[in-house]
Protein backbone atom coordinates (compact mmCIF):
# COMPACT_ATOMS: atom_id res chain seq x y z
CA MET A 1 -90.81 9.22 16.00
CA ALA A 2 -88.91 12.02 17.55
CA SER A 3 -86.95 9.52 19.54
CA LYS A 4 -86.16 7.56 16.36
CA LYS A 5 -85.00 10.74 14.72
CA LYS A 6 -82.87 11.51 17.70
CA GLU A 7 -81.50 8.01 17.66
CA ALA A 8 -80.78 8.28 13.95
CA GLN A 9 -79.04 11.60 14.45
CA GLU A 10 -76.96 10.18 17.30
CA ASN A 11 -76.07 7.16 15.20
CA LEU A 12 -75.00 9.51 12.41
CA LYS A 13 -72.92 11.53 14.87
CA ASN A 14 -71.40 8.36 16.27
CA GLU A 15 -70.64 7.13 12.76
CA LYS A 16 -69.06 10.46 11.89
CA VAL A 17 -67.00 10.39 15.08
CA LEU A 18 -66.03 6.78 14.37
CA ASN A 19 -65.20 7.64 10.76
CA GLU A 20 -63.12 10.60 11.93
CA GLU A 21 -61.38 8.44 14.51
CA GLU A 22 -60.76 5.76 11.90
CA LYS A 23 -59.43 8.40 9.54
CA LYS A 24 -57.18 9.75 12.29
CA GLU A 25 -55.96 6.28 13.13
CA ALA A 26 -55.42 5.54 9.46
CA SER A 27 -53.53 8.79 8.98
CA ASN A 28 -51.52 8.14 12.18
CA SER A 29 -50.66 4.66 10.98
CA GLN A 30 -49.72 6.11 7.57
CA ASN A 31 -47.57 8.72 9.31
CA GLU A 32 -45.96 5.99 11.39
CA GLU A 33 -45.36 3.92 8.26
CA THR A 34 -43.98 6.99 6.50
CA THR A 35 -41.75 7.68 9.49
CA GLU A 36 -40.61 4.08 9.57
CA ASN A 37 -40.08 4.13 5.81
CA GLY A 38 -38.35 7.50 6.15
CA GLU A 39 -36.11 6.09 8.85
CA ASN A 40 -35.52 3.04 6.70
CA THR A 41 -34.71 5.32 3.79
CA GLU A 42 -32.38 7.36 5.99
CA VAL A 43 -30.73 4.20 7.31
CA LYS A 44 -30.35 2.86 3.78
CA ASP A 45 -28.95 6.20 2.59
CA SER A 46 -26.42 6.36 5.45
CA GLU A 47 -25.40 2.73 4.78
CA LYS A 48 -24.93 3.59 1.11
CA GLU A 49 -22.83 6.65 2.06
CA ASP A 50 -20.72 4.56 4.45
CA ALA A 51 -20.18 1.93 1.77
CA ALA A 52 -19.27 4.61 -0.77
CA GLN A 53 -16.83 6.24 1.68
CA ALA A 54 -15.24 2.86 2.43
CA GLU A 55 -14.86 2.17 -1.30
CA ILE A 56 -13.35 5.62 -1.89
CA LYS A 57 -10.89 5.06 0.97
CA SER A 58 -9.99 1.63 -0.41
CA LEU A 59 -9.42 3.04 -3.89
CA ASN A 60 -7.30 5.91 -2.49
CA ASP A 61 -5.18 3.46 -0.52
CA ARG A 62 -4.74 1.32 -3.61
CA LEU A 63 -3.77 4.37 -5.66
CA LEU A 64 -1.20 5.44 -3.07
CA ARG A 65 0.31 1.94 -3.02
CA LEU A 66 0.48 1.87 -6.80
CA GLN A 67 2.16 5.28 -6.86
CA ALA A 68 4.69 4.18 -4.25
CA ASP A 69 5.36 0.95 -6.16
CA PHE A 70 5.89 2.92 -9.36
CA LEU A 71 8.30 5.36 -7.68
CA ASN A 72 10.23 2.43 -6.16
CA TYR A 73 10.34 0.72 -9.56
CA LYS A 74 11.55 3.91 -11.21
CA ALA A 75 14.29 4.45 -8.61
CA ARG A 76 15.35 0.79 -8.79
CA THR A 77 15.61 0.80 -12.59
CA GLU A 78 17.56 4.07 -12.53
CA LYS A 79 19.94 2.59 -9.97
CA GLU A 80 20.34 -0.58 -12.06
CA LYS A 81 20.98 1.51 -15.16
CA ILE A 82 23.73 3.50 -13.43
CA SER A 83 25.20 0.31 -11.98
CA THR A 84 25.22 -1.37 -15.38
CA TYR A 85 26.85 1.65 -17.01
CA THR A 86 29.48 1.92 -14.28
CA GLY A 87 30.19 -1.80 -14.51
CA ALA A 88 30.62 -1.61 -18.29
CA VAL A 89 32.99 1.37 -18.00
CA ALA A 90 34.99 -0.42 -15.31
CA ASP A 91 35.26 -3.57 -17.46
CA ILE A 92 36.54 -1.65 -20.48
CA ILE A 93 39.03 0.35 -18.42
CA LEU A 94 40.25 -2.87 -16.79
CA GLU A 95 41.03 -4.24 -20.24
CA LEU A 96 42.87 -1.01 -21.16
CA LEU A 97 45.09 -1.01 -18.06
CA PRO A 98 47.83 -3.20 -19.66
CA VAL A 99 48.08 -0.61 -22.45
CA LEU A 100 48.43 2.11 -19.81
CA ASP A 101 51.15 0.07 -18.04
CA ASN A 102 53.05 -0.32 -21.31
CA LEU A 103 52.85 3.39 -22.03
CA GLU A 104 54.26 4.11 -18.57
CA ARG A 105 57.08 1.63 -19.18
CA ALA A 106 57.86 3.26 -22.53
CA ILE A 107 58.05 6.67 -20.88
CA SER A 108 60.23 5.45 -18.02
CA ALA A 109 62.67 3.73 -20.40
CA ASP A 110 65.54 6.19 -20.60
CA ASN A 111 66.85 6.70 -24.08
CA SER A 112 69.93 8.85 -23.94
CA SER A 113 70.16 9.05 -27.67
CA ASP A 114 68.48 11.66 -29.81
CA GLY A 115 65.21 9.76 -29.73
CA ASN A 116 63.66 12.21 -27.22
CA SER A 117 61.03 13.25 -29.74
CA PHE A 118 59.75 9.67 -29.65
CA LYS A 119 59.60 9.80 -25.84
CA GLU A 120 57.77 13.13 -26.00
CA GLY A 121 55.24 11.64 -28.43
CA VAL A 122 54.61 8.69 -26.15
CA GLN A 123 54.25 11.12 -23.22
CA MET A 124 51.60 13.08 -25.19
CA VAL A 125 49.68 9.90 -26.02
CA TYR A 126 49.89 8.84 -22.37
CA ASN A 127 48.60 12.24 -21.14
CA GLN A 128 45.71 12.17 -23.62
CA PHE A 129 44.85 8.60 -22.67
CA MET A 130 44.92 9.43 -18.94
CA GLY A 131 42.72 12.49 -19.55
CA ILE A 132 40.05 10.32 -21.17
CA LEU A 133 40.24 7.71 -18.39
CA ASP A 134 40.09 10.42 -15.69
CA LYS A 135 36.86 11.72 -17.22
CA LYS A 136 35.42 8.20 -16.90
CA GLY A 137 36.29 8.08 -13.19
CA LEU A 138 39.68 6.33 -13.15
CA LYS A 139 41.83 7.13 -10.10
CA GLU A 140 45.18 5.67 -9.11
CA VAL A 141 45.29 3.92 -5.74
CA GLU A 142 47.68 5.68 -3.41
CA ALA A 143 49.93 3.02 -2.01
CA LEU A 144 53.55 4.09 -1.49
CA HIS A 145 54.36 4.79 2.19
CA LYS A 146 50.69 4.26 3.16
CA PRO A 147 49.40 1.65 5.63
CA PHE A 148 48.52 -1.64 3.93
CA ASP A 149 44.81 -1.88 3.09
CA HIS A 150 43.68 -5.28 1.83
CA ASN A 151 40.75 -3.63 0.00
CA VAL A 152 43.00 -1.76 -2.45
CA HIS A 153 46.44 -3.36 -2.02
CA TYR A 154 47.68 -6.80 -3.00
CA GLY A 155 50.70 -7.78 -0.91
CA VAL A 156 53.18 -9.99 -2.76
CA ALA A 157 56.26 -9.71 -0.56
CA PHE A 158 57.43 -8.68 2.89
CA GLU A 159 60.66 -6.85 3.56
CA GLU A 160 62.31 -5.84 6.78
CA SER A 161 63.07 -2.15 7.09
CA ASP A 162 63.89 0.19 9.95
CA LYS A 163 62.76 3.25 7.98
CA PHE A 164 59.04 2.38 8.05
CA GLU A 165 56.52 1.14 10.54
CA ASP A 166 55.20 -2.40 10.46
CA GLY A 167 52.47 -2.86 7.82
CA THR A 168 53.52 0.10 5.68
CA VAL A 169 53.79 -0.23 1.90
CA ILE A 170 57.43 0.28 0.95
CA ASP A 171 57.33 -0.43 -2.77
CA VAL A 172 54.71 -0.49 -5.54
CA LEU A 173 55.31 -3.20 -8.12
CA GLN A 174 52.18 -2.50 -10.15
CA LYS A 175 49.80 0.45 -9.80
CA GLY A 176 46.26 -0.13 -8.66
CA TYR A 177 43.20 1.74 -9.89
CA THR A 178 39.65 2.54 -8.86
CA VAL A 179 36.72 3.60 -11.04
CA ASN A 180 34.14 5.71 -9.23
CA ASP A 181 35.46 4.48 -5.86
CA LYS A 182 35.25 0.82 -6.90
CA CYS A 183 38.58 -1.00 -6.96
CA ILE A 184 39.08 -2.61 -10.36
CA ARG A 185 42.71 -3.59 -9.82
CA PRO A 186 44.49 -3.58 -6.47
CA ALA A 187 48.02 -2.20 -6.27
CA MET A 188 50.66 -4.95 -6.15
CA VAL A 189 52.95 -3.97 -3.26
CA ARG A 190 55.76 -4.98 -0.93
CA ILE A 191 55.05 -4.51 2.75
CA CYS A 192 57.34 -3.64 5.65
CA LYS A 193 57.58 -6.33 8.32
CA LYS A 194 59.55 -6.01 11.52
């Protein structure tokens, strides 16, 4: 009986040891699973962070492109607006140039009679008219005794002359004008030819 008791006690000890070992193995396997799950969680979290960072970068790039497009659009429309305004001013001034030519002709017509007050009145109207056109950017093309420039001069005749070099403008038949550095009417000139 004593040996059975001893055997029973040893069996109990063995069972306890086995139970403890099983518990340890179970807890080790749980720890391993937790570690694997923890690593999986960490991997998933880092993947989520990377995806979020990539999306943020993509959205920032898109925002920067949209801002650049808007600034380009704004600059382009401002440029078009100025161009349209300048073109409209140039068109109106071009239509007024014959009136300006006639005023100049009226002033240059010499009336020796007592009609000088009329000439003075025309001169005042001319000066006022030129003041308004100057404010809008009208400038006379310098032509007389200057080298011929096909961009602002319109040659209608050649004349031989020893006084001037070849290709020099010797006479202005009709004045030319620019508006804001854009030629709206070239000067009609005679050119020296040797």
